[in-house]
Amino acid sequence: MRTLRRVFGVATMLALVVAMFVWLEHVMSQPDTKGFDPQEMGRLESAMWRSYYEGQWVRLACQTMRAEAMAYRDARGGKITEAEWQEITRQLHNAYTSLKQSLT
């Protein structure tokens, strides 16, 4: 009887875990594009390519880090304000400028 209860308990837990993963996969595969701004995306991507072709490595590094931070923010429900982004960008720019100066 104990063994049967234990087997039933393990099977129930496994079923719950599988159901949770199926639900998470479903939720994560449904992108929320309400906040997507294609013009802003185009502007940001063009700026990154300009930085690349002009050899502005510090600016490109800051833009790349900002893009990664935006993905981080989006994955967490967009909880970072624009003012915080501006401060993050300023700090990244200062860090990479300092790094570049130390390497030359």
C-alpha atoms as a PDB file:
ATOM      1  CA  MET A   1       0.000   0.000   0.000  1.00  0.00           C
ATOM      2  CA  ARG A   2       2.836   2.393   0.886  1.00  0.00           C
ATOM      3  CA  THR A   3       4.612   1.646  -2.349  1.00  0.00           C
ATOM      4  CA  LEU A   4       1.426   2.299  -4.323  1.00  0.00           C
ATOM      5  CA  ARG A   5       0.999   5.685  -2.598  1.00  0.00           C
ATOM      6  CA  ARG A   6       4.612   6.560  -3.274  1.00  0.00           C
ATOM      7  CA  VAL A   7       4.322   5.592  -6.958  1.00  0.00           C
ATOM      8  CA  PHE A   8       1.081   7.593  -7.253  1.00  0.00           C
ATOM      9  CA  GLY A   9       2.707  10.617  -5.577  1.00  0.00           C
ATOM     10  CA  VAL A  10       5.736  10.514  -7.882  1.00  0.00           C
ATOM     11  CA  ALA A  11       3.525  10.092 -10.954  1.00  0.00           C
ATOM     12  CA  THR A  12       1.364  13.043  -9.869  1.00  0.00           C
ATOM     13  CA  MET A  13       4.426  15.251  -9.337  1.00  0.00           C
ATOM     14  CA  LEU A  14       5.837  14.286 -12.730  1.00  0.00           C
ATOM     15  CA  ALA A  15       2.500  15.062 -14.392  1.00  0.00           C
ATOM     16  CA  LEU A  16       2.422  18.476 -12.700  1.00  0.00           C
ATOM     17  CA  VAL A  17       5.985  19.247 -13.772  1.00  0.00           C
ATOM     18  CA  VAL A  18       5.251  18.243 -17.370  1.00  0.00           C
ATOM     19  CA  ALA A  19       2.046  20.332 -17.349  1.00  0.00           C
ATOM     20  CA  MET A  20       3.990  23.323 -16.005  1.00  0.00           C
ATOM     21  CA  PHE A  21       6.615  23.029 -18.759  1.00  0.00           C
ATOM     22  CA  VAL A  22       3.938  22.711 -21.449  1.00  0.00           C
ATOM     23  CA  TRP A  23       2.160  25.787 -20.081  1.00  0.00           C
ATOM     24  CA  LEU A  24       5.407  27.794 -19.898  1.00  0.00           C
ATOM     25  CA  GLU A  25       6.323  26.816 -23.448  1.00  0.00           C
ATOM     26  CA  HIS A  26       2.906  27.936 -24.642  1.00  0.00           C
ATOM     27  CA  VAL A  27       3.110  31.280 -22.820  1.00  0.00           C
ATOM     28  CA  MET A  28       6.679  31.960 -23.949  1.00  0.00           C
ATOM     29  CA  SER A  29       5.869  31.158 -27.583  1.00  0.00           C
ATOM     30  CA  GLN A  30       3.175  33.857 -27.708  1.00  0.00           C
ATOM     31  CA  PRO A  31       5.111  37.107 -28.306  1.00  0.00           C
ATOM     32  CA  ASP A  32       3.583  40.364 -27.144  1.00  0.00           C
ATOM     33  CA  THR A  33       4.095  42.822 -29.994  1.00  0.00           C
ATOM     34  CA  LYS A  34       1.859  45.602 -28.664  1.00  0.00           C
ATOM     35  CA  GLY A  35       4.845  47.644 -27.543  1.00  0.00           C
ATOM     36  CA  PHE A  36       6.956  46.962 -30.646  1.00  0.00           C
ATOM     37  CA  ASP A  37       7.912  50.118 -32.546  1.00  0.00           C
ATOM     38  CA  PRO A  38       9.349  49.168 -35.950  1.00  0.00           C
ATOM     39  CA  GLN A  39      10.512  52.723 -36.714  1.00  0.00           C
ATOM     40  CA  GLU A  40      12.450  52.938 -33.440  1.00  0.00           C
ATOM     41  CA  MET A  41      13.905  49.490 -34.068  1.00  0.00           C
ATOM     42  CA  GLY A  42      15.051  50.601 -37.525  1.00  0.00           C
ATOM     43  CA  ARG A  43      16.577  53.781 -36.102  1.00  0.00           C
ATOM     44  CA  LEU A  44      18.508  51.867 -33.439  1.00  0.00           C
ATOM     45  CA  GLU A  45      19.749  49.230 -35.866  1.00  0.00           C
ATOM     46  CA  SER A  46      20.837  51.885 -38.408  1.00  0.00           C
ATOM     47  CA  ALA A  47      22.730  53.723 -35.675  1.00  0.00           C
ATOM     48  CA  MET A  48      24.547  50.523 -34.741  1.00  0.00           C
ATOM     49  CA  TRP A  49      25.571  49.872 -38.348  1.00  0.00           C
ATOM     50  CA  ARG A  50      26.770  53.481 -38.707  1.00  0.00           C
ATOM     51  CA  SER A  51      28.885  53.078 -35.598  1.00  0.00           C
ATOM     52  CA  TYR A  52      30.325  49.857 -37.003  1.00  0.00           C
ATOM     53  CA  TYR A  53      31.232  51.270 -40.423  1.00  0.00           C
ATOM     54  CA  GLU A  54      32.629  54.484 -38.910  1.00  0.00           C
ATOM     55  CA  GLY A  55      34.831  52.502 -36.526  1.00  0.00           C
ATOM     56  CA  GLN A  56      33.155  54.017 -33.454  1.00  0.00           C
ATOM     57  CA  TRP A  57      33.823  50.975 -31.298  1.00  0.00           C
ATOM     58  CA  VAL A  58      32.970  52.568 -27.954  1.00  0.00           C
ATOM     59  CA  ARG A  59      29.644  53.832 -29.257  1.00  0.00           C
ATOM     60  CA  LEU A  60      28.917  50.462 -30.881  1.00  0.00           C
ATOM     61  CA  ALA A  61      29.736  48.632 -27.639  1.00  0.00           C
ATOM     62  CA  CYS A  62      27.347  50.920 -25.744  1.00  0.00           C
ATOM     63  CA  GLN A  63      24.623  50.386 -28.338  1.00  0.00           C
ATOM     64  CA  THR A  64      25.121  46.624 -28.220  1.00  0.00           C
ATOM     65  CA  MET A  65      24.997  46.573 -24.431  1.00  0.00           C
ATOM     66  CA  ARG A  66      21.852  48.710 -24.522  1.00  0.00           C
ATOM     67  CA  ALA A  67      20.224  46.239 -26.931  1.00  0.00           C
ATOM     68  CA  GLU A  68      21.112  43.380 -24.610  1.00  0.00           C
ATOM     69  CA  ALA A  69      19.732  45.311 -21.651  1.00  0.00           C
ATOM     70  CA  MET A  70      16.521  45.981 -23.591  1.00  0.00           C
ATOM     71  CA  ALA A  71      16.129  42.247 -24.199  1.00  0.00           C
ATOM     72  CA  TYR A  72      16.731  41.685 -20.489  1.00  0.00           C
ATOM     73  CA  ARG A  73      14.080  44.289 -19.638  1.00  0.00           C
ATOM     74  CA  ASP A  74      11.568  42.860 -22.105  1.00  0.00           C
ATOM     75  CA  ALA A  75      12.041  39.376 -20.704  1.00  0.00           C
ATOM     76  CA  ARG A  76      11.097  40.759 -17.301  1.00  0.00           C
ATOM     77  CA  GLY A  77       7.990  42.670 -18.285  1.00  0.00           C
ATOM     78  CA  GLY A  78       9.498  46.063 -19.148  1.00  0.00           C
ATOM     79  CA  LYS A  79      10.119  47.307 -15.624  1.00  0.00           C
ATOM     80  CA  ILE A  80      12.974  49.766 -16.418  1.00  0.00           C
ATOM     81  CA  THR A  81      12.149  53.428 -17.074  1.00  0.00           C
ATOM     82  CA  GLU A  82      13.568  55.525 -19.911  1.00  0.00           C
ATOM     83  CA  ALA A  83      15.458  57.681 -17.393  1.00  0.00           C
ATOM     84  CA  GLU A  84      17.102  54.514 -16.056  1.00  0.00           C
ATOM     85  CA  TRP A  85      18.055  53.537 -19.624  1.00  0.00           C
ATOM     86  CA  GLN A  86      19.658  56.925 -20.164  1.00  0.00           C
ATOM     87  CA  GLU A  87      21.669  56.535 -16.980  1.00  0.00           C
ATOM     88  CA  ILE A  88      22.717  52.986 -17.936  1.00  0.00           C
ATOM     89  CA  THR A  89      23.794  54.245 -21.372  1.00  0.00           C
ATOM     90  CA  ARG A  90      25.783  57.120 -19.833  1.00  0.00           C
ATOM     91  CA  GLN A  91      27.555  54.771 -17.436  1.00  0.00           C
ATOM     92  CA  LEU A  92      28.358  52.294 -20.210  1.00  0.00           C
ATOM     93  CA  HIS A  93      29.717  55.060 -22.417  1.00  0.00           C
ATOM     94  CA  ASN A  94      31.938  56.343 -19.587  1.00  0.00           C
ATOM     95  CA  ALA A  95      33.172  52.812 -18.848  1.00  0.00           C
ATOM     96  CA  TYR A  96      34.085  52.058 -22.452  1.00  0.00           C
ATOM     97  CA  THR A  97      35.650  55.486 -22.978  1.00  0.00           C
ATOM     98  CA  SER A  98      37.825  54.905 -19.936  1.00  0.00           C
ATOM     99  CA  LEU A  99      38.726  51.422 -21.175  1.00  0.00           C
ATOM    100  CA  LYS A 100      39.656  52.764 -24.609  1.00  0.00           C
ATOM    101  CA  GLN A 101      41.840  55.501 -23.103  1.00  0.00           C
ATOM    102  CA  SER A 102      43.629  52.962 -20.932  1.00  0.00           C
ATOM    103  CA  LEU A 103      44.392  50.791 -23.975  1.00  0.00           C
ATOM    104  CA  THR A 104      45.860  53.603 -26.112  1.00  0.00           C
END
